[in-house]
N, C-alpha and C. Protein backbone atom coordinates (compact mmCIF):
# COMPACT_ATOMS: atom_id res chain seq x y z
N UNK A 1 75.14 -15.95 18.74
CA UNK A 1 74.38 -15.63 19.93
C UNK A 1 72.90 -15.58 19.58
N UNK A 2 72.10 -16.18 20.42
CA UNK A 2 70.64 -16.21 20.19
C UNK A 2 70.04 -14.82 20.40
N UNK A 3 69.03 -14.53 19.60
CA UNK A 3 68.29 -13.28 19.78
C UNK A 3 67.49 -13.38 21.07
N UNK A 4 67.23 -12.25 21.70
CA UNK A 4 66.50 -12.24 22.97
C UNK A 4 65.55 -11.05 22.99
N UNK A 5 64.32 -11.29 23.40
CA UNK A 5 63.34 -10.22 23.55
C UNK A 5 63.08 -10.05 25.04
N UNK A 6 63.43 -8.89 25.62
CA UNK A 6 63.17 -8.68 27.04
C UNK A 6 61.69 -8.88 27.37
N UNK A 7 61.42 -9.61 28.42
CA UNK A 7 60.05 -9.89 28.84
C UNK A 7 59.43 -11.08 28.13
N UNK A 8 60.15 -11.65 27.17
CA UNK A 8 59.65 -12.81 26.41
C UNK A 8 60.63 -13.97 26.51
N UNK A 9 61.91 -13.70 26.22
CA UNK A 9 62.93 -14.74 26.32
C UNK A 9 63.75 -14.88 25.07
N UNK A 10 64.62 -15.90 25.09
CA UNK A 10 65.51 -16.17 23.96
C UNK A 10 64.72 -16.77 22.80
N UNK A 11 65.10 -16.39 21.59
CA UNK A 11 64.46 -16.91 20.39
C UNK A 11 65.34 -17.99 19.77
N UNK A 12 64.69 -18.94 19.13
CA UNK A 12 65.40 -19.98 18.37
C UNK A 12 64.82 -19.99 16.96
N UNK A 13 65.60 -20.51 16.02
CA UNK A 13 65.13 -20.62 14.64
C UNK A 13 64.38 -21.93 14.44
N UNK A 14 63.26 -21.86 13.73
CA UNK A 14 62.55 -23.10 13.39
C UNK A 14 63.08 -23.63 12.06
N UNK A 15 62.48 -24.70 11.58
CA UNK A 15 62.93 -25.34 10.34
C UNK A 15 62.73 -24.46 9.11
N UNK A 16 61.91 -23.40 9.23
CA UNK A 16 61.62 -22.52 8.10
C UNK A 16 62.37 -21.20 8.19
N UNK A 17 63.24 -21.07 9.20
CA UNK A 17 64.02 -19.86 9.36
C UNK A 17 63.33 -18.75 10.12
N UNK A 18 62.20 -19.05 10.74
CA UNK A 18 61.49 -18.05 11.53
C UNK A 18 61.92 -18.13 12.99
N UNK A 19 61.87 -17.02 13.67
CA UNK A 19 62.22 -16.97 15.09
C UNK A 19 61.05 -17.49 15.93
N UNK A 20 61.37 -18.29 16.94
CA UNK A 20 60.36 -18.89 17.82
C UNK A 20 60.68 -18.55 19.26
N UNK A 21 59.67 -18.16 20.02
CA UNK A 21 59.86 -17.88 21.44
C UNK A 21 59.90 -19.18 22.23
N UNK A 22 60.36 -19.11 23.47
CA UNK A 22 60.20 -20.29 24.33
C UNK A 22 58.70 -20.48 24.61
N UNK A 23 58.32 -21.62 25.12
CA UNK A 23 56.91 -21.84 25.48
C UNK A 23 56.54 -20.88 26.61
N UNK A 24 55.41 -20.22 26.43
CA UNK A 24 54.90 -19.26 27.40
C UNK A 24 53.45 -19.58 27.71
N UNK A 25 53.03 -19.32 28.93
CA UNK A 25 51.65 -19.61 29.30
C UNK A 25 50.70 -18.61 28.65
N UNK A 26 49.58 -19.14 28.15
CA UNK A 26 48.54 -18.30 27.52
C UNK A 26 47.20 -18.76 28.09
N UNK A 27 46.68 -18.08 29.11
CA UNK A 27 45.41 -18.49 29.71
C UNK A 27 44.27 -18.60 28.70
N UNK A 28 44.22 -17.71 27.71
CA UNK A 28 43.16 -17.75 26.71
C UNK A 28 43.12 -19.10 25.99
N UNK A 29 44.29 -19.67 25.75
CA UNK A 29 44.38 -20.96 25.06
C UNK A 29 44.40 -22.13 26.04
N UNK A 30 44.61 -21.84 27.31
CA UNK A 30 44.63 -22.89 28.33
C UNK A 30 45.86 -23.78 28.26
N UNK A 31 46.97 -23.23 27.73
CA UNK A 31 48.18 -24.03 27.62
C UNK A 31 49.39 -23.14 27.37
N UNK A 32 50.56 -23.75 27.40
CA UNK A 32 51.79 -23.07 27.06
C UNK A 32 52.03 -23.25 25.57
N UNK A 33 52.43 -22.17 24.90
CA UNK A 33 52.70 -22.23 23.46
C UNK A 33 53.93 -21.39 23.14
N UNK A 34 54.55 -21.71 22.03
CA UNK A 34 55.60 -20.87 21.47
C UNK A 34 54.97 -19.95 20.43
N UNK A 35 55.51 -18.75 20.32
CA UNK A 35 55.04 -17.78 19.34
C UNK A 35 56.03 -17.74 18.18
N UNK A 36 55.52 -17.72 16.96
CA UNK A 36 56.35 -17.58 15.77
C UNK A 36 56.44 -16.09 15.47
N UNK A 37 57.65 -15.57 15.37
CA UNK A 37 57.86 -14.14 15.11
C UNK A 37 58.34 -13.97 13.67
N UNK A 38 57.48 -13.43 12.82
CA UNK A 38 57.83 -13.19 11.42
C UNK A 38 58.56 -11.86 11.28
N UNK A 39 59.46 -11.80 10.34
CA UNK A 39 60.20 -10.57 10.03
C UNK A 39 60.86 -9.98 11.27
N UNK A 40 61.50 -10.84 12.06
CA UNK A 40 62.13 -10.37 13.30
C UNK A 40 63.22 -9.34 13.01
N UNK A 41 63.19 -8.28 13.79
CA UNK A 41 64.21 -7.24 13.77
C UNK A 41 64.28 -6.72 15.19
N UNK A 42 65.45 -6.77 15.79
CA UNK A 42 65.58 -6.39 17.20
C UNK A 42 65.14 -4.95 17.48
N UNK A 43 65.10 -4.10 16.45
CA UNK A 43 64.62 -2.73 16.65
C UNK A 43 63.15 -2.72 17.07
N UNK A 44 62.43 -3.83 16.84
CA UNK A 44 61.01 -3.90 17.17
C UNK A 44 60.73 -4.75 18.41
N UNK A 45 61.77 -5.03 19.20
CA UNK A 45 61.58 -5.87 20.38
C UNK A 45 60.47 -5.37 21.30
N UNK A 46 60.38 -4.05 21.48
CA UNK A 46 59.33 -3.52 22.36
C UNK A 46 57.93 -3.82 21.81
N UNK A 47 57.74 -3.62 20.50
CA UNK A 47 56.43 -3.89 19.88
C UNK A 47 56.11 -5.38 19.91
N UNK A 48 57.11 -6.21 19.67
CA UNK A 48 56.90 -7.66 19.69
C UNK A 48 56.52 -8.10 21.10
N UNK A 49 57.27 -7.64 22.09
CA UNK A 49 56.98 -8.01 23.49
C UNK A 49 55.60 -7.52 23.91
N UNK A 50 55.24 -6.31 23.50
CA UNK A 50 53.91 -5.78 23.83
C UNK A 50 52.83 -6.66 23.23
N UNK A 51 52.99 -7.02 21.98
CA UNK A 51 52.00 -7.85 21.29
C UNK A 51 51.84 -9.20 21.99
N UNK A 52 52.95 -9.86 22.26
CA UNK A 52 52.90 -11.18 22.90
C UNK A 52 52.34 -11.09 24.30
N UNK A 53 52.83 -10.14 25.08
CA UNK A 53 52.38 -10.06 26.48
C UNK A 53 50.95 -9.57 26.62
N UNK A 54 50.49 -8.72 25.70
CA UNK A 54 49.07 -8.34 25.70
C UNK A 54 48.20 -9.57 25.46
N UNK A 55 48.60 -10.40 24.50
CA UNK A 55 47.84 -11.61 24.19
C UNK A 55 47.83 -12.56 25.39
N UNK A 56 48.96 -12.70 26.03
CA UNK A 56 49.06 -13.57 27.20
C UNK A 56 48.21 -13.07 28.37
N UNK A 57 47.95 -11.77 28.39
CA UNK A 57 47.18 -11.18 29.49
C UNK A 57 45.68 -11.16 29.24
N UNK A 58 45.25 -11.56 28.04
CA UNK A 58 43.81 -11.54 27.75
C UNK A 58 43.06 -12.48 28.69
N UNK A 59 41.86 -12.07 29.10
CA UNK A 59 41.06 -12.97 29.94
C UNK A 59 40.56 -14.17 29.13
N UNK A 60 40.19 -15.21 29.81
CA UNK A 60 39.77 -16.44 29.13
C UNK A 60 38.50 -16.26 28.31
N UNK A 61 37.75 -15.20 28.54
CA UNK A 61 36.54 -14.97 27.75
C UNK A 61 36.74 -13.95 26.62
N UNK A 62 37.97 -13.61 26.31
CA UNK A 62 38.26 -12.58 25.30
C UNK A 62 37.72 -12.94 23.91
N UNK A 63 37.63 -14.22 23.61
CA UNK A 63 37.14 -14.62 22.28
C UNK A 63 35.65 -14.40 22.11
N UNK A 64 34.94 -14.11 23.18
CA UNK A 64 33.51 -13.81 23.05
C UNK A 64 33.28 -12.65 22.09
N UNK A 65 34.24 -11.74 22.01
CA UNK A 65 34.11 -10.59 21.10
C UNK A 65 34.11 -11.02 19.64
N UNK A 66 34.58 -12.24 19.35
CA UNK A 66 34.63 -12.72 17.97
C UNK A 66 33.49 -13.67 17.63
N UNK A 67 32.58 -13.91 18.55
CA UNK A 67 31.51 -14.90 18.33
C UNK A 67 30.63 -14.55 17.14
N UNK A 68 30.13 -13.34 17.07
CA UNK A 68 29.24 -12.97 15.96
C UNK A 68 29.97 -13.05 14.62
N UNK A 69 31.23 -12.64 14.60
CA UNK A 69 32.00 -12.70 13.36
C UNK A 69 32.27 -14.14 12.93
N UNK A 70 32.62 -15.00 13.88
CA UNK A 70 32.86 -16.41 13.54
C UNK A 70 31.58 -17.06 13.02
N UNK A 71 30.45 -16.73 13.64
CA UNK A 71 29.17 -17.27 13.19
C UNK A 71 28.81 -16.73 11.80
N UNK A 72 29.09 -15.45 11.55
CA UNK A 72 28.83 -14.87 10.22
C UNK A 72 29.71 -15.55 9.17
N UNK A 73 30.94 -15.88 9.51
CA UNK A 73 31.82 -16.59 8.59
C UNK A 73 31.24 -17.97 8.28
N UNK A 74 30.77 -18.67 9.32
CA UNK A 74 30.12 -19.97 9.11
C UNK A 74 28.92 -19.82 8.16
N UNK A 75 28.03 -18.86 8.45
CA UNK A 75 26.83 -18.67 7.63
C UNK A 75 27.17 -18.34 6.18
N UNK A 76 28.19 -17.52 5.99
CA UNK A 76 28.62 -17.14 4.65
C UNK A 76 29.12 -18.37 3.88
N UNK A 77 29.94 -19.18 4.54
CA UNK A 77 30.46 -20.39 3.90
C UNK A 77 29.32 -21.37 3.63
N UNK A 78 28.44 -21.53 4.61
CA UNK A 78 27.30 -22.44 4.46
C UNK A 78 26.46 -22.05 3.24
N UNK A 79 26.18 -20.77 3.11
CA UNK A 79 25.37 -20.30 1.98
C UNK A 79 26.06 -20.57 0.64
N UNK A 80 27.38 -20.52 0.64
CA UNK A 80 28.13 -20.74 -0.60
C UNK A 80 28.14 -22.20 -1.04
N UNK A 81 27.92 -23.13 -0.09
CA UNK A 81 28.03 -24.55 -0.43
C UNK A 81 26.73 -25.34 -0.24
N UNK A 82 25.67 -24.67 0.14
CA UNK A 82 24.46 -25.41 0.49
C UNK A 82 23.84 -26.19 -0.67
N UNK A 83 24.21 -25.91 -1.90
CA UNK A 83 23.70 -26.67 -3.03
C UNK A 83 24.57 -27.89 -3.36
N UNK A 84 25.66 -28.05 -2.66
CA UNK A 84 26.58 -29.17 -2.88
C UNK A 84 26.21 -30.31 -1.92
N UNK A 85 25.59 -31.35 -2.45
CA UNK A 85 25.10 -32.46 -1.61
C UNK A 85 26.22 -33.12 -0.81
N UNK A 86 27.37 -33.33 -1.43
CA UNK A 86 28.47 -33.98 -0.72
C UNK A 86 28.90 -33.16 0.50
N UNK A 87 29.10 -31.87 0.28
CA UNK A 87 29.53 -30.99 1.38
C UNK A 87 28.48 -30.96 2.48
N UNK A 88 27.23 -30.94 2.12
CA UNK A 88 26.17 -30.85 3.14
C UNK A 88 26.09 -32.13 3.98
N UNK A 89 26.65 -33.24 3.48
CA UNK A 89 26.66 -34.47 4.27
C UNK A 89 27.51 -34.33 5.53
N UNK A 90 28.60 -33.59 5.46
CA UNK A 90 29.48 -33.44 6.61
C UNK A 90 29.43 -32.05 7.25
N UNK A 91 28.77 -31.12 6.60
CA UNK A 91 28.69 -29.75 7.11
C UNK A 91 27.95 -29.71 8.43
N UNK A 92 28.56 -29.12 9.48
CA UNK A 92 27.84 -29.00 10.75
C UNK A 92 26.66 -28.05 10.60
N UNK A 93 25.65 -28.28 11.40
CA UNK A 93 24.50 -27.38 11.44
C UNK A 93 24.61 -26.58 12.74
N UNK A 94 24.90 -25.30 12.60
CA UNK A 94 25.09 -24.42 13.75
C UNK A 94 23.93 -23.43 13.75
N UNK A 95 23.09 -23.55 14.75
CA UNK A 95 21.85 -22.77 14.76
C UNK A 95 22.00 -21.36 15.33
N UNK A 96 22.96 -21.16 16.22
CA UNK A 96 23.09 -19.85 16.86
C UNK A 96 24.55 -19.54 17.16
N UNK A 97 24.88 -18.27 17.30
CA UNK A 97 26.28 -17.87 17.51
C UNK A 97 26.98 -18.59 18.66
N UNK A 98 26.33 -18.77 19.77
CA UNK A 98 26.98 -19.39 20.93
C UNK A 98 27.49 -20.80 20.65
N UNK A 99 26.93 -21.47 19.65
CA UNK A 99 27.34 -22.84 19.33
C UNK A 99 28.59 -22.91 18.45
N UNK A 100 29.00 -21.80 17.87
CA UNK A 100 30.08 -21.82 16.89
C UNK A 100 31.40 -22.30 17.49
N UNK A 101 31.67 -21.97 18.76
CA UNK A 101 32.96 -22.31 19.35
C UNK A 101 33.14 -23.81 19.54
N UNK A 102 32.07 -24.58 19.58
CA UNK A 102 32.22 -26.03 19.69
C UNK A 102 32.65 -26.65 18.35
N UNK A 103 32.74 -25.82 17.31
CA UNK A 103 33.17 -26.28 15.99
C UNK A 103 34.50 -25.65 15.56
N UNK A 104 35.19 -25.03 16.53
CA UNK A 104 36.47 -24.37 16.26
C UNK A 104 37.52 -24.95 17.20
N UNK A 105 38.67 -25.30 16.64
CA UNK A 105 39.79 -25.79 17.43
C UNK A 105 40.87 -24.71 17.37
N UNK A 106 41.13 -24.08 18.52
CA UNK A 106 42.09 -22.98 18.58
C UNK A 106 43.49 -23.45 18.22
N UNK A 107 44.23 -22.60 17.53
CA UNK A 107 45.57 -22.94 17.08
C UNK A 107 46.59 -23.02 18.20
N UNK A 108 47.67 -23.73 17.93
CA UNK A 108 48.75 -23.91 18.91
C UNK A 108 49.97 -23.05 18.62
N UNK A 109 49.99 -22.37 17.48
CA UNK A 109 51.17 -21.62 17.06
C UNK A 109 50.82 -20.18 16.71
N UNK A 110 50.57 -19.34 17.73
CA UNK A 110 50.27 -17.94 17.40
C UNK A 110 51.44 -17.31 16.66
N UNK A 111 51.12 -16.50 15.69
CA UNK A 111 52.14 -15.82 14.87
C UNK A 111 52.09 -14.34 15.15
N UNK A 112 53.25 -13.74 15.25
CA UNK A 112 53.37 -12.31 15.50
C UNK A 112 54.08 -11.70 14.31
N UNK A 113 53.48 -10.64 13.75
CA UNK A 113 54.12 -10.02 12.60
C UNK A 113 53.83 -8.53 12.56
N UNK A 114 54.72 -7.79 11.87
CA UNK A 114 54.55 -6.34 11.83
C UNK A 114 53.36 -5.94 10.98
N UNK A 115 52.86 -4.74 11.25
CA UNK A 115 51.83 -4.16 10.39
C UNK A 115 52.43 -3.80 9.04
N UNK A 116 51.65 -3.18 8.20
CA UNK A 116 52.09 -2.89 6.84
C UNK A 116 53.05 -1.71 6.74
N UNK A 117 53.03 -0.82 7.72
CA UNK A 117 53.91 0.34 7.72
C UNK A 117 54.89 0.25 8.88
N UNK A 118 56.01 0.92 8.75
CA UNK A 118 57.06 0.88 9.77
C UNK A 118 56.54 1.27 11.16
N UNK A 119 55.66 2.25 11.21
CA UNK A 119 55.17 2.71 12.51
C UNK A 119 53.86 2.02 12.93
N UNK A 120 53.41 1.03 12.18
CA UNK A 120 52.18 0.31 12.50
C UNK A 120 52.38 -0.59 13.72
N UNK A 121 51.29 -0.88 14.43
CA UNK A 121 51.41 -1.84 15.51
C UNK A 121 51.65 -3.24 14.95
N UNK A 122 52.16 -4.11 15.78
CA UNK A 122 52.33 -5.50 15.40
C UNK A 122 51.02 -6.22 15.62
N UNK A 123 50.84 -7.35 14.96
CA UNK A 123 49.61 -8.12 15.06
C UNK A 123 49.92 -9.55 15.46
N UNK A 124 48.99 -10.16 16.14
CA UNK A 124 49.08 -11.57 16.47
C UNK A 124 47.98 -12.28 15.69
N UNK A 125 48.35 -13.34 14.99
CA UNK A 125 47.39 -14.11 14.21
C UNK A 125 47.25 -15.48 14.83
N UNK A 126 46.03 -15.84 15.16
CA UNK A 126 45.75 -17.17 15.70
C UNK A 126 44.99 -17.93 14.63
N UNK A 127 45.69 -18.87 13.99
CA UNK A 127 45.04 -19.68 12.96
C UNK A 127 44.44 -20.91 13.62
N UNK A 128 43.17 -21.13 13.33
CA UNK A 128 42.42 -22.20 13.97
C UNK A 128 41.85 -23.14 12.91
N UNK A 129 41.49 -24.31 13.34
CA UNK A 129 40.75 -25.23 12.48
C UNK A 129 39.27 -24.99 12.77
N UNK A 130 38.43 -25.18 11.75
CA UNK A 130 36.99 -25.10 11.98
C UNK A 130 36.33 -26.20 11.18
N UNK A 131 35.28 -26.75 11.73
CA UNK A 131 34.63 -27.92 11.15
C UNK A 131 33.97 -27.65 9.81
N UNK A 132 33.67 -26.39 9.49
CA UNK A 132 32.94 -26.11 8.26
C UNK A 132 33.87 -25.72 7.09
N UNK A 133 35.11 -25.37 7.35
CA UNK A 133 36.00 -24.92 6.26
C UNK A 133 37.38 -25.50 6.48
N UNK A 134 37.55 -26.75 6.05
CA UNK A 134 38.79 -27.47 6.31
C UNK A 134 39.98 -26.90 5.56
N UNK A 135 39.77 -26.32 4.40
CA UNK A 135 40.89 -25.83 3.60
C UNK A 135 41.50 -24.54 4.15
N UNK A 136 40.66 -23.56 4.46
CA UNK A 136 41.17 -22.26 4.89
C UNK A 136 41.09 -22.03 6.39
N UNK A 137 40.33 -22.84 7.10
CA UNK A 137 40.24 -22.68 8.54
C UNK A 137 39.68 -21.33 8.94
N UNK A 138 40.06 -20.90 10.12
CA UNK A 138 39.59 -19.64 10.70
C UNK A 138 40.80 -18.90 11.25
N UNK A 139 40.90 -17.65 10.94
CA UNK A 139 41.99 -16.81 11.43
C UNK A 139 41.39 -15.70 12.28
N UNK A 140 42.01 -15.47 13.44
CA UNK A 140 41.61 -14.37 14.31
C UNK A 140 42.84 -13.47 14.47
N UNK A 141 42.69 -12.19 14.11
CA UNK A 141 43.79 -11.24 14.15
C UNK A 141 43.58 -10.29 15.32
N UNK A 142 44.65 -10.11 16.10
CA UNK A 142 44.63 -9.23 17.27
C UNK A 142 45.65 -8.11 17.05
N UNK A 143 45.19 -6.86 16.98
CA UNK A 143 46.10 -5.71 16.87
C UNK A 143 46.78 -5.52 18.23
N UNK A 144 48.10 -5.41 18.20
CA UNK A 144 48.90 -5.30 19.42
C UNK A 144 48.67 -6.48 20.36
N UNK A 145 48.16 -7.59 19.85
CA UNK A 145 47.91 -8.75 20.68
C UNK A 145 46.72 -8.62 21.59
N UNK A 146 46.00 -7.51 21.51
CA UNK A 146 44.94 -7.23 22.48
C UNK A 146 43.55 -7.08 21.88
N UNK A 147 43.44 -6.41 20.74
CA UNK A 147 42.14 -6.08 20.16
C UNK A 147 41.87 -6.93 18.93
N UNK A 148 40.77 -7.67 18.94
CA UNK A 148 40.41 -8.47 17.77
C UNK A 148 39.96 -7.52 16.66
N UNK A 149 40.63 -7.62 15.51
CA UNK A 149 40.32 -6.72 14.41
C UNK A 149 39.86 -7.43 13.14
N UNK A 150 40.05 -8.76 13.10
CA UNK A 150 39.66 -9.49 11.89
C UNK A 150 39.38 -10.94 12.25
N UNK A 151 38.29 -11.48 11.72
CA UNK A 151 37.93 -12.89 11.90
C UNK A 151 37.46 -13.38 10.53
N UNK A 152 37.99 -14.50 10.09
CA UNK A 152 37.58 -15.04 8.80
C UNK A 152 38.52 -16.12 8.33
N UNK A 153 38.47 -16.42 7.03
CA UNK A 153 39.34 -17.48 6.51
C UNK A 153 40.80 -17.08 6.66
N UNK A 154 41.66 -18.07 6.84
CA UNK A 154 43.10 -17.81 6.94
C UNK A 154 43.61 -17.44 5.55
N UNK A 155 43.87 -16.15 5.37
CA UNK A 155 44.29 -15.66 4.06
C UNK A 155 45.61 -14.92 4.10
N UNK A 156 46.25 -14.85 5.26
CA UNK A 156 47.54 -14.19 5.39
C UNK A 156 47.47 -12.69 5.49
N UNK A 157 46.27 -12.12 5.46
CA UNK A 157 46.13 -10.67 5.54
C UNK A 157 45.83 -10.23 6.97
N UNK A 158 46.34 -9.06 7.32
CA UNK A 158 46.12 -8.52 8.67
C UNK A 158 44.86 -7.68 8.77
N UNK A 159 44.41 -7.17 7.62
CA UNK A 159 43.27 -6.27 7.61
C UNK A 159 42.35 -6.62 6.44
N UNK A 160 41.12 -6.18 6.52
CA UNK A 160 40.18 -6.34 5.42
C UNK A 160 40.48 -5.31 4.35
N UNK A 161 40.12 -5.61 3.13
CA UNK A 161 40.31 -4.66 2.03
C UNK A 161 39.30 -3.53 2.11
N UNK A 162 39.63 -2.43 1.47
CA UNK A 162 38.75 -1.26 1.50
C UNK A 162 37.41 -1.53 0.83
N UNK A 163 37.36 -2.46 -0.12
CA UNK A 163 36.12 -2.74 -0.82
C UNK A 163 35.26 -3.81 -0.18
N UNK A 164 35.65 -4.27 1.00
CA UNK A 164 34.88 -5.31 1.69
C UNK A 164 33.79 -4.67 2.54
N UNK A 165 32.67 -5.39 2.65
CA UNK A 165 31.57 -4.85 3.45
C UNK A 165 31.37 -5.70 4.70
N UNK A 166 30.91 -5.05 5.74
CA UNK A 166 30.68 -5.71 7.03
C UNK A 166 29.58 -6.76 6.88
N UNK A 167 29.88 -8.01 7.28
CA UNK A 167 28.89 -9.08 7.18
C UNK A 167 28.52 -9.63 8.55
N UNK A 168 29.12 -9.08 9.60
CA UNK A 168 28.83 -9.59 10.94
C UNK A 168 28.21 -8.55 11.87
N UNK A 169 28.12 -7.32 11.42
CA UNK A 169 27.52 -6.28 12.24
C UNK A 169 28.49 -5.62 13.20
N UNK A 170 29.70 -6.18 13.32
CA UNK A 170 30.68 -5.59 14.22
C UNK A 170 31.98 -5.23 13.50
N UNK A 171 32.00 -5.43 12.18
CA UNK A 171 33.16 -5.09 11.37
C UNK A 171 34.27 -6.13 11.37
N UNK A 172 34.12 -7.19 12.14
CA UNK A 172 35.21 -8.17 12.25
C UNK A 172 35.21 -9.19 11.12
N UNK A 173 34.03 -9.51 10.56
CA UNK A 173 33.98 -10.40 9.39
C UNK A 173 33.39 -9.63 8.24
N UNK A 174 34.08 -9.65 7.11
CA UNK A 174 33.66 -8.91 5.94
C UNK A 174 33.69 -9.80 4.72
N UNK A 175 32.94 -9.42 3.71
CA UNK A 175 32.94 -10.12 2.43
C UNK A 175 33.14 -9.08 1.33
N UNK A 176 33.62 -9.53 0.17
CA UNK A 176 33.79 -8.58 -0.93
C UNK A 176 32.47 -7.92 -1.30
N UNK A 177 32.52 -6.65 -1.59
CA UNK A 177 31.33 -5.91 -2.01
C UNK A 177 31.40 -5.77 -3.52
N UNK A 178 30.56 -6.52 -4.22
CA UNK A 178 30.59 -6.53 -5.68
C UNK A 178 29.61 -5.53 -6.29
N UNK A 179 29.01 -4.70 -5.47
CA UNK A 179 28.02 -3.76 -6.03
C UNK A 179 28.67 -2.59 -6.73
């Protein structure tokens, strides 16, 4: 019997053994997408449904909250490679935060996974492509599917480390603090 999340629908297994929702409309992305549910356990159906449905309910301008962080990530990467002539040949030149979104391609496979502790909220991770960092892309993490809590390279982490310092002014993009 297929697993079922009330308010979301029946789940199916993908080729990697992860649970996948049916296609659901997501106004923020402007399309219907399936959600990948990591570490599925029916005891967490309420948290999973809350996370997915909160994300689906976000207004189309919700990513504006991540603009400064995405731009800070671009600037940080740019500064790290600006001495590499080859990279600078294809590196986009983004002059201001508002231009950053024209260099980001939003992901089609939002992932939902539990927090680090049993009683933690679930998180939704939207992995995106970005023109300046082809290897790691851009990851946007939403706590409970609603609040953006992390923007930066796709590293599989839900939160920043304790030793990281704010590099965007809003706490969403951080870099290691080596001081």
